[in-house]
Amino acid sequence: MAKGYWIARIDVADAESYKAYVAAATPAYQKYGAKFLVRGGRCEAVEGPGRARNVVVEFESYDIALACYRSPEYQAAAEFRRKASMGEILVVEGA
């Protein structure tokens, strides 16, 4: 079965509030077996517009990745992220 991934591209406007999001989201990540492959770090937009923070999270399947995103635990945490940052999150199926 193909794995599922979140690909997030974020510009953080309020670092302190973003920390609250990370703390609040941790239970959902643990519940759904999230494995962070990329979490910030150096980046360079070599084609198209970029964002300052990029994250790739691996899940056992696409369905589990979607379930984590849609879970009440994550959606409660996402309210902190939406107030502290701008960006996009994609849920994709691996090859």
PDB file of N, CA and C in Angstrom:
ATOM      1  N   MET A   1       0.846  -1.183   0.000  1.00  0.00           N
ATOM      2  CA  MET A   1       0.000   0.000   0.000  1.00  0.00           C
ATOM      3  C   MET A   1       0.890   1.244   0.000  1.00  0.00           C
ATOM      4  N   ALA A   2       0.528   2.218  -0.810  1.00  0.00           N
ATOM      5  CA  ALA A   2       1.289   3.465  -0.893  1.00  0.00           C
ATOM      6  C   ALA A   2       1.092   4.294   0.369  1.00  0.00           C
ATOM      7  N   LYS A   3       2.143   4.953   0.775  1.00  0.00           N
ATOM      8  CA  LYS A   3       2.070   5.832   1.944  1.00  0.00           C
ATOM      9  C   LYS A   3       1.366   7.129   1.570  1.00  0.00           C
ATOM     10  N   GLY A   4       0.943   7.850   2.591  1.00  0.00           N
ATOM     11  CA  GLY A   4       0.337   9.159   2.397  1.00  0.00           C
ATOM     12  C   GLY A   4       1.236  10.217   3.002  1.00  0.00           C
ATOM     13  N   TYR A   5       1.165  11.421   2.450  1.00  0.00           N
ATOM     14  CA  TYR A   5       2.031  12.513   2.902  1.00  0.00           C
ATOM     15  C   TYR A   5       1.258  13.807   3.006  1.00  0.00           C
ATOM     16  N   TRP A   6       1.644  14.610   3.969  1.00  0.00           N
ATOM     17  CA  TRP A   6       1.246  16.009   3.995  1.00  0.00           C
ATOM     18  C   TRP A   6       2.438  16.782   3.453  1.00  0.00           C
ATOM     19  N   ILE A   7       2.176  17.714   2.582  1.00  0.00           N
ATOM     20  CA  ILE A   7       3.182  18.670   2.134  1.00  0.00           C
ATOM     21  C   ILE A   7       2.644  20.047   2.515  1.00  0.00           C
ATOM     22  N   ALA A   8       3.345  20.694   3.424  1.00  0.00           N
ATOM     23  CA  ALA A   8       2.904  22.001   3.921  1.00  0.00           C
ATOM     24  C   ALA A   8       3.937  23.057   3.563  1.00  0.00           C
ATOM     25  N   ARG A   9       3.448  24.195   3.114  1.00  0.00           N
ATOM     26  CA  ARG A   9       4.289  25.352   2.794  1.00  0.00           C
ATOM     27  C   ARG A   9       3.725  26.509   3.581  1.00  0.00           C
ATOM     28  N   ILE A  10       4.518  27.055   4.501  1.00  0.00           N
ATOM     29  CA  ILE A  10       3.991  27.998   5.485  1.00  0.00           C
ATOM     30  C   ILE A  10       4.887  29.223   5.619  1.00  0.00           C
ATOM     31  N   ASP A  11       4.284  30.388   5.758  1.00  0.00           N
ATOM     32  CA  ASP A  11       4.962  31.615   6.194  1.00  0.00           C
ATOM     33  C   ASP A  11       4.388  31.955   7.561  1.00  0.00           C
ATOM     34  N   VAL A  12       5.228  31.893   8.583  1.00  0.00           N
ATOM     35  CA  VAL A  12       4.794  32.140   9.957  1.00  0.00           C
ATOM     36  C   VAL A  12       4.870  33.638  10.242  1.00  0.00           C
ATOM     37  N   ALA A  13       3.750  34.214  10.695  1.00  0.00           N
ATOM     38  CA  ALA A  13       3.695  35.633  11.042  1.00  0.00           C
ATOM     39  C   ALA A  13       3.875  35.850  12.543  1.00  0.00           C
ATOM     40  N   ASP A  14       3.461  34.875  13.352  1.00  0.00           N
ATOM     41  CA  ASP A  14       3.522  34.992  14.810  1.00  0.00           C
ATOM     42  C   ASP A  14       4.143  33.711  15.374  1.00  0.00           C
ATOM     43  N   ALA A  15       5.438  33.763  15.627  1.00  0.00           N
ATOM     44  CA  ALA A  15       6.181  32.570  16.049  1.00  0.00           C
ATOM     45  C   ALA A  15       5.682  32.012  17.378  1.00  0.00           C
ATOM     46  N   GLU A  16       5.299  32.844  18.306  1.00  0.00           N
ATOM     47  CA  GLU A  16       4.828  32.356  19.609  1.00  0.00           C
ATOM     48  C   GLU A  16       3.505  31.607  19.463  1.00  0.00           C
ATOM     49  N   SER A  17       2.591  32.138  18.700  1.00  0.00           N
ATOM     50  CA  SER A  17       1.316  31.450  18.469  1.00  0.00           C
ATOM     51  C   SER A  17       1.525  30.166  17.676  1.00  0.00           C
ATOM     52  N   TYR A  18       2.490  30.157  16.777  1.00  0.00           N
ATOM     53  CA  TYR A  18       2.781  28.955  15.997  1.00  0.00           C
ATOM     54  C   TYR A  18       3.273  27.840  16.907  1.00  0.00           C
ATOM     55  N   LYS A  19       4.023  28.187  17.946  1.00  0.00           N
ATOM     56  CA  LYS A  19       4.468  27.182  18.925  1.00  0.00           C
ATOM     57  C   LYS A  19       3.265  26.527  19.595  1.00  0.00           C
ATOM     58  N   ALA A  20       2.218  27.290  19.859  1.00  0.00           N
ATOM     59  CA  ALA A  20       1.001  26.736  20.452  1.00  0.00           C
ATOM     60  C   ALA A  20       0.352  25.734  19.499  1.00  0.00           C
ATOM     61  N   TYR A  21       0.386  26.021  18.205  1.00  0.00           N
ATOM     62  CA  TYR A  21      -0.136  25.085  17.202  1.00  0.00           C
ATOM     63  C   TYR A  21       0.646  23.775  17.239  1.00  0.00           C
ATOM     64  N   VAL A  22       1.961  23.868  17.229  1.00  0.00           N
ATOM     65  CA  VAL A  22       2.797  22.663  17.224  1.00  0.00           C
ATOM     66  C   VAL A  22       2.487  21.804  18.448  1.00  0.00           C
ATOM     67  N   ALA A  23       2.390  22.427  19.610  1.00  0.00           N
ATOM     68  CA  ALA A  23       2.092  21.683  20.837  1.00  0.00           C
ATOM     69  C   ALA A  23       0.700  21.056  20.779  1.00  0.00           C
ATOM     70  N   ALA A  24      -0.274  21.792  20.276  1.00  0.00           N
ATOM     71  CA  ALA A  24      -1.648  21.286  20.219  1.00  0.00           C
ATOM     72  C   ALA A  24      -1.814  20.181  19.179  1.00  0.00           C
ATOM     73  N   ALA A  25      -1.019  20.207  18.119  1.00  0.00           N
ATOM     74  CA  ALA A  25      -1.131  19.211  17.051  1.00  0.00           C
ATOM     75  C   ALA A  25      -0.440  17.893  17.395  1.00  0.00           C
ATOM     76  N   THR A  26       0.476  17.911  18.338  1.00  0.00           N
ATOM     77  CA  THR A  26       1.263  16.719  18.664  1.00  0.00           C
ATOM     78  C   THR A  26       0.409  15.495  18.982  1.00  0.00           C
ATOM     79  N   PRO A  27      -0.662  15.597  19.776  1.00  0.00           N
ATOM     80  CA  PRO A  27      -1.478  14.402  20.031  1.00  0.00           C
ATOM     81  C   PRO A  27      -2.060  13.775  18.755  1.00  0.00           C
ATOM     82  N   ALA A  28      -2.479  14.586  17.801  1.00  0.00           N
ATOM     83  CA  ALA A  28      -3.000  14.053  16.541  1.00  0.00           C
ATOM     84  C   ALA A  28      -1.884  13.349  15.773  1.00  0.00           C
ATOM     85  N   TYR A  29      -0.705  13.960  15.723  1.00  0.00           N
ATOM     86  CA  TYR A  29       0.417  13.325  15.025  1.00  0.00           C
ATOM     87  C   TYR A  29       0.735  11.971  15.647  1.00  0.00           C
ATOM     88  N   GLN A  30       0.746  11.900  16.962  1.00  0.00           N
ATOM     89  CA  GLN A  30       1.044  10.644  17.647  1.00  0.00           C
ATOM     90  C   GLN A  30      -0.046   9.608  17.381  1.00  0.00           C
ATOM     91  N   LYS A  31      -1.300  10.012  17.463  1.00  0.00           N
ATOM     92  CA  LYS A  31      -2.428   9.105  17.259  1.00  0.00           C
ATOM     93  C   LYS A  31      -2.407   8.462  15.872  1.00  0.00           C
ATOM     94  N   TYR A  32      -2.017   9.235  14.855  1.00  0.00           N
ATOM     95  CA  TYR A  32      -2.059   8.749  13.478  1.00  0.00           C
ATOM     96  C   TYR A  32      -0.693   8.305  12.939  1.00  0.00           C
ATOM     97  N   GLY A  33       0.310   8.224  13.797  1.00  0.00           N
ATOM     98  CA  GLY A  33       1.611   7.691  13.399  1.00  0.00           C
ATOM     99  C   GLY A  33       2.402   8.568  12.449  1.00  0.00           C
ATOM    100  N   ALA A  34       2.273   9.873  12.585  1.00  0.00           N
ATOM    101  CA  ALA A  34       2.988  10.809  11.703  1.00  0.00           C
ATOM    102  C   ALA A  34       4.493  10.686  11.887  1.00  0.00           C
ATOM    103  N   LYS A  35       5.203  10.723  10.771  1.00  0.00           N
ATOM    104  CA  LYS A  35       6.670  10.720  10.785  1.00  0.00           C
ATOM    105  C   LYS A  35       7.134  11.937   9.982  1.00  0.00           C
ATOM    106  N   PHE A  36       7.826  12.853  10.653  1.00  0.00           N
ATOM    107  CA  PHE A  36       8.280  14.062   9.977  1.00  0.00           C
ATOM    108  C   PHE A  36       9.544  13.777   9.180  1.00  0.00           C
ATOM    109  N   LEU A  37       9.464  13.997   7.875  1.00  0.00           N
ATOM    110  CA  LEU A  37      10.619  13.821   6.991  1.00  0.00           C
ATOM    111  C   LEU A  37      11.332  15.145   6.767  1.00  0.00           C
ATOM    112  N   VAL A  38      10.566  16.220   6.726  1.00  0.00           N
ATOM    113  CA  VAL A  38      11.093  17.579   6.574  1.00  0.00           C
ATOM    114  C   VAL A  38      10.310  18.445   7.548  1.00  0.00           C
ATOM    115  N   ARG A  39      11.032  19.246   8.326  1.00  0.00           N
ATOM    116  CA  ARG A  39      10.346  20.121   9.287  1.00  0.00           C
ATOM    117  C   ARG A  39      11.161  21.408   9.400  1.00  0.00           C
ATOM    118  N   GLY A  40      10.884  22.330   8.473  1.00  0.00           N
ATOM    119  CA  GLY A  40      11.653  23.570   8.444  1.00  0.00           C
ATOM    120  C   GLY A  40      12.989  23.325   7.752  1.00  0.00           C
ATOM    121  N   GLY A  41      14.007  23.990   8.217  1.00  0.00           N
ATOM    122  CA  GLY A  41      15.333  23.836   7.612  1.00  0.00           C
ATOM    123  C   GLY A  41      15.542  24.762   6.432  1.00  0.00           C
ATOM    124  N   ARG A  42      16.743  24.725   5.936  1.00  0.00           N
ATOM    125  CA  ARG A  42      17.101  25.594   4.810  1.00  0.00           C
ATOM    126  C   ARG A  42      16.335  25.207   3.557  1.00  0.00           C
ATOM    127  N   CYS A  43      15.998  26.223   2.767  1.00  0.00           N
ATOM    128  CA  CYS A  43      15.354  25.961   1.483  1.00  0.00           C
ATOM    129  C   CYS A  43      15.638  27.120   0.540  1.00  0.00           C
ATOM    130  N   GLU A  44      15.505  26.829  -0.719  1.00  0.00           N
ATOM    131  CA  GLU A  44      15.645  27.848  -1.759  1.00  0.00           C
ATOM    132  C   GLU A  44      14.597  27.566  -2.825  1.00  0.00           C
ATOM    133  N   ALA A  45      13.763  28.539  -3.108  1.00  0.00           N
ATOM    134  CA  ALA A  45      12.762  28.403  -4.167  1.00  0.00           C
ATOM    135  C   ALA A  45      13.480  28.588  -5.496  1.00  0.00           C
ATOM    136  N   VAL A  46      13.719  27.499  -6.196  1.00  0.00           N
ATOM    137  CA  VAL A  46      14.448  27.569  -7.454  1.00  0.00           C
ATOM    138  C   VAL A  46      13.517  27.739  -8.654  1.00  0.00           C
ATOM    139  N   GLU A  47      12.229  27.544  -8.428  1.00  0.00           N
ATOM    140  CA  GLU A  47      11.243  27.746  -9.482  1.00  0.00           C
ATOM    141  C   GLU A  47       9.912  28.087  -8.829  1.00  0.00           C
ATOM    142  N   GLY A  48       9.307  29.175  -9.200  1.00  0.00           N
ATOM    143  CA  GLY A  48       8.027  29.580  -8.624  1.00  0.00           C
ATOM    144  C   GLY A  48       8.196  30.201  -7.242  1.00  0.00           C
ATOM    145  N   PRO A  49       7.069  30.692  -6.701  1.00  0.00           N
ATOM    146  CA  PRO A  49       7.136  31.329  -5.384  1.00  0.00           C
ATOM    147  C   PRO A  49       7.380  30.288  -4.293  1.00  0.00           C
ATOM    148  N   GLY A  50       8.097  30.677  -3.278  1.00  0.00           N
ATOM    149  CA  GLY A  50       8.375  29.775  -2.165  1.00  0.00           C
ATOM    150  C   GLY A  50       7.753  30.285  -0.885  1.00  0.00           C
ATOM    151  N   ARG A  51       7.855  29.494   0.149  1.00  0.00           N
ATOM    152  CA  ARG A  51       7.442  29.856   1.494  1.00  0.00           C
ATOM    153  C   ARG A  51       8.644  29.634   2.404  1.00  0.00           C
ATOM    154  N   ALA A  52       8.646  30.304   3.541  1.00  0.00           N
ATOM    155  CA  ALA A  52       9.788  30.246   4.451  1.00  0.00           C
ATOM    156  C   ALA A  52       9.922  28.894   5.149  1.00  0.00           C
ATOM    157  N   ARG A  53       8.799  28.234   5.436  1.00  0.00           N
ATOM    158  CA  ARG A  53       8.828  26.970   6.185  1.00  0.00           C
ATOM    159  C   ARG A  53       8.148  25.893   5.349  1.00  0.00           C
ATOM    160  N   ASN A  54       8.810  24.763   5.202  1.00  0.00           N
ATOM    161  CA  ASN A  54       8.275  23.643   4.429  1.00  0.00           C
ATOM    162  C   ASN A  54       8.318  22.388   5.285  1.00  0.00           C
ATOM    163  N   VAL A  55       7.244  21.605   5.224  1.00  0.00           N
ATOM    164  CA  VAL A  55       7.127  20.419   6.063  1.00  0.00           C
ATOM    165  C   VAL A  55       6.593  19.271   5.211  1.00  0.00           C
ATOM    166  N   VAL A  56       7.197  18.084   5.385  1.00  0.00           N
ATOM    167  CA  VAL A  56       6.701  16.862   4.756  1.00  0.00           C
ATOM    168  C   VAL A  56       6.508  15.847   5.872  1.00  0.00           C
ATOM    169  N   VAL A  57       5.275  15.330   5.980  1.00  0.00           N
ATOM    170  CA  VAL A  57       4.930  14.370   7.021  1.00  0.00           C
ATOM    171  C   VAL A  57       4.461  13.089   6.352  1.00  0.00           C
ATOM    172  N   GLU A  58       5.003  11.961   6.786  1.00  0.00           N
ATOM    173  CA  GLU A  58       4.659  10.657   6.214  1.00  0.00           C
ATOM    174  C   GLU A  58       3.674   9.911   7.122  1.00  0.00           C
ATOM    175  N   PHE A  59       2.703   9.246   6.488  1.00  0.00           N
ATOM    176  CA  PHE A  59       1.728   8.405   7.178  1.00  0.00           C
ATOM    177  C   PHE A  59       1.708   7.037   6.497  1.00  0.00           C
ATOM    178  N   GLU A  60       1.176   6.051   7.164  1.00  0.00           N
ATOM    179  CA  GLU A  60       1.147   4.693   6.609  1.00  0.00           C
ATOM    180  C   GLU A  60       0.328   4.590   5.330  1.00  0.00           C
ATOM    181  N   SER A  61      -0.640   5.481   5.143  1.00  0.00           N
ATOM    182  CA  SER A  61      -1.451   5.452   3.925  1.00  0.00           C
ATOM    183  C   SER A  61      -2.055   6.831   3.675  1.00  0.00           C
ATOM    184  N   TYR A  62      -2.556   7.001   2.474  1.00  0.00           N
ATOM    185  CA  TYR A  62      -3.252   8.233   2.098  1.00  0.00           C
ATOM    186  C   TYR A  62      -4.474   8.443   2.984  1.00  0.00           C
ATOM    187  N   ASP A  63      -5.225   7.363   3.222  1.00  0.00           N
ATOM    188  CA  ASP A  63      -6.434   7.470   4.046  1.00  0.00           C
ATOM    189  C   ASP A  63      -6.109   7.895   5.473  1.00  0.00           C
ATOM    190  N   ILE A  64      -5.019   7.392   6.026  1.00  0.00           N
ATOM    191  CA  ILE A  64      -4.614   7.785   7.380  1.00  0.00           C
ATOM    192  C   ILE A  64      -4.170   9.247   7.390  1.00  0.00           C
ATOM    193  N   ALA A  65      -3.474   9.682   6.345  1.00  0.00           N
ATOM    194  CA  ALA A  65      -3.053  11.087   6.252  1.00  0.00           C
ATOM    195  C   ALA A  65      -4.274  12.001   6.243  1.00  0.00           C
ATOM    196  N   LEU A  66      -5.286  11.639   5.467  1.00  0.00           N
ATOM    197  CA  LEU A  66      -6.524  12.436   5.433  1.00  0.00           C
ATOM    198  C   LEU A  66      -7.251  12.378   6.770  1.00  0.00           C
ATOM    199  N   ALA A  67      -7.298  11.204   7.384  1.00  0.00           N
ATOM    200  CA  ALA A  67      -7.983  11.064   8.672  1.00  0.00           C
ATOM    201  C   ALA A  67      -7.326  11.937   9.731  1.00  0.00           C
ATOM    202  N   CYS A  68      -6.013  12.016   9.734  1.00  0.00           N
ATOM    203  CA  CYS A  68      -5.311  12.868  10.695  1.00  0.00           C
ATOM    204  C   CYS A  68      -5.689  14.327  10.459  1.00  0.00           C
ATOM    205  N   TYR A  69      -5.625  14.772   9.209  1.00  0.00           N
ATOM    206  CA  TYR A  69      -5.948  16.166   8.908  1.00  0.00           C
ATOM    207  C   TYR A  69      -7.386  16.499   9.311  1.00  0.00           C
ATOM    208  N   ARG A  70      -8.293  15.597   9.052  1.00  0.00           N
ATOM    209  CA  ARG A  70      -9.718  15.844   9.318  1.00  0.00           C
ATOM    210  C   ARG A  70     -10.124  15.579  10.770  1.00  0.00           C
ATOM    211  N   SER A  71      -9.223  15.025  11.562  1.00  0.00           N
ATOM    212  CA  SER A  71      -9.565  14.646  12.936  1.00  0.00           C
ATOM    213  C   SER A  71      -9.900  15.871  13.784  1.00  0.00           C
ATOM    214  N   PRO A  72     -10.772  15.696  14.772  1.00  0.00           N
ATOM    215  CA  PRO A  72     -11.089  16.804  15.682  1.00  0.00           C
ATOM    216  C   PRO A  72      -9.843  17.314  16.406  1.00  0.00           C
ATOM    217  N   GLU A  73      -8.934  16.399  16.728  1.00  0.00           N
ATOM    218  CA  GLU A  73      -7.705  16.806  17.424  1.00  0.00           C
ATOM    219  C   GLU A  73      -6.883  17.765  16.568  1.00  0.00           C
ATOM    220  N   TYR A  74      -6.688  17.396  15.285  1.00  0.00           N
ATOM    221  CA  TYR A  74      -5.878  18.263  14.429  1.00  0.00           C
ATOM    222  C   TYR A  74      -6.616  19.549  14.088  1.00  0.00           C
ATOM    223  N   GLN A  75      -7.895  19.477  13.811  1.00  0.00           N
ATOM    224  CA  GLN A  75      -8.630  20.681  13.434  1.00  0.00           C
ATOM    225  C   GLN A  75      -8.653  21.705  14.568  1.00  0.00           C
ATOM    226  N   ALA A  76      -8.693  21.245  15.809  1.00  0.00           N
ATOM    227  CA  ALA A  76      -8.607  22.179  16.944  1.00  0.00           C
ATOM    228  C   ALA A  76      -7.244  22.869  16.947  1.00  0.00           C
ATOM    229  N   ALA A  77      -6.196  22.107  16.691  1.00  0.00           N
ATOM    230  CA  ALA A  77      -4.843  22.682  16.644  1.00  0.00           C
ATOM    231  C   ALA A  77      -4.679  23.617  15.446  1.00  0.00           C
ATOM    232  N   ALA A  78      -5.294  23.266  14.330  1.00  0.00           N
ATOM    233  CA  ALA A  78      -5.153  24.053  13.106  1.00  0.00           C
ATOM    234  C   ALA A  78      -5.650  25.485  13.273  1.00  0.00           C
ATOM    235  N   GLU A  79      -6.577  25.709  14.199  1.00  0.00           N
ATOM    236  CA  GLU A  79      -7.039  27.073  14.459  1.00  0.00           C
ATOM    237  C   GLU A  79      -5.876  27.967  14.898  1.00  0.00           C
ATOM    238  N   PHE A  80      -4.960  27.440  15.696  1.00  0.00           N
ATOM    239  CA  PHE A  80      -3.761  28.198  16.089  1.00  0.00           C
ATOM    240  C   PHE A  80      -2.908  28.510  14.862  1.00  0.00           C
ATOM    241  N   ARG A  81      -2.721  27.494  13.983  1.00  0.00           N
ATOM    242  CA  ARG A  81      -1.894  27.690  12.789  1.00  0.00           C
ATOM    243  C   ARG A  81      -2.489  28.738  11.872  1.00  0.00           C
ATOM    244  N   ARG A  82      -3.780  28.694  11.687  1.00  0.00           N
ATOM    245  CA  ARG A  82      -4.435  29.644  10.782  1.00  0.00           C
ATOM    246  C   ARG A  82      -4.311  31.079  11.275  1.00  0.00           C
ATOM    247  N   LYS A  83      -4.277  31.274  12.587  1.00  0.00           N
ATOM    248  CA  LYS A  83      -4.118  32.615  13.147  1.00  0.00           C
ATOM    249  C   LYS A  83      -2.668  33.085  13.102  1.00  0.00           C
ATOM    250  N   ALA A  84      -1.722  32.156  13.110  1.00  0.00           N
ATOM    251  CA  ALA A  84      -0.304  32.509  13.221  1.00  0.00           C
ATOM    252  C   ALA A  84       0.439  32.492  11.894  1.00  0.00           C
ATOM    253  N   SER A  85      -0.183  31.975  10.817  1.00  0.00           N
ATOM    254  CA  SER A  85       0.565  31.794   9.574  1.00  0.00           C
ATOM    255  C   SER A  85      -0.350  31.791   8.359  1.00  0.00           C
ATOM    256  N   MET A  86       0.281  31.833   7.192  1.00  0.00           N
ATOM    257  CA  MET A  86      -0.403  31.692   5.902  1.00  0.00           C
ATOM    258  C   MET A  86       0.309  30.575   5.158  1.00  0.00           C
ATOM    259  N   GLY A  87      -0.456  29.783   4.415  1.00  0.00           N
ATOM    260  CA  GLY A  87       0.199  28.744   3.650  1.00  0.00           C
ATOM    261  C   GLY A  87      -0.778  27.742   3.062  1.00  0.00           C
ATOM    262  N   GLU A  88      -0.220  26.645   2.619  1.00  0.00           N
ATOM    263  CA  GLU A  88      -0.989  25.594   1.984  1.00  0.00           C
ATOM    264  C   GLU A  88      -0.571  24.242   2.584  1.00  0.00           C
ATOM    265  N   ILE A  89      -1.527  23.325   2.617  1.00  0.00           N
ATOM    266  CA  ILE A  89      -1.241  21.940   2.978  1.00  0.00           C
ATOM    267  C   ILE A  89      -1.890  21.069   1.921  1.00  0.00           C
ATOM    268  N   LEU A  90      -1.104  20.153   1.374  1.00  0.00           N
ATOM    269  CA  LEU A  90      -1.611  19.166   0.426  1.00  0.00           C
ATOM    270  C   LEU A  90      -1.513  17.794   1.075  1.00  0.00           C
ATOM    271  N   VAL A  91      -2.482  16.928   0.829  1.00  0.00           N
ATOM    272  CA  VAL A  91      -2.388  15.521   1.210  1.00  0.00           C
ATOM    273  C   VAL A  91      -2.228  14.763  -0.104  1.00  0.00           C
ATOM    274  N   VAL A  92      -1.138  13.990  -0.200  1.00  0.00           N
ATOM    275  CA  VAL A  92      -0.831  13.293  -1.452  1.00  0.00           C
ATOM    276  C   VAL A  92      -0.523  11.821  -1.173  1.00  0.00           C
ATOM    277  N   GLU A  93      -0.768  11.011  -2.185  1.00  0.00           N
ATOM    278  CA  GLU A  93      -0.441   9.592  -2.101  1.00  0.00           C
ATOM    279  C   GLU A  93       0.954   9.372  -2.669  1.00  0.00           C
ATOM    280  N   GLY A  94       1.740   8.556  -1.990  1.00  0.00           N
ATOM    281  CA  GLY A  94       3.111   8.279  -2.428  1.00  0.00           C
ATOM    282  C   GLY A  94       3.142   7.331  -3.617  1.00  0.00           C
ATOM    283  N   ALA A  95       4.308   7.252  -4.227  1.00  0.00           N
ATOM    284  CA  ALA A  95       4.503   6.380  -5.397  1.00  0.00           C
ATOM    285  C   ALA A  95       4.660   4.937  -4.965  1.00  0.00           C
TER     286      ALA A  95
END
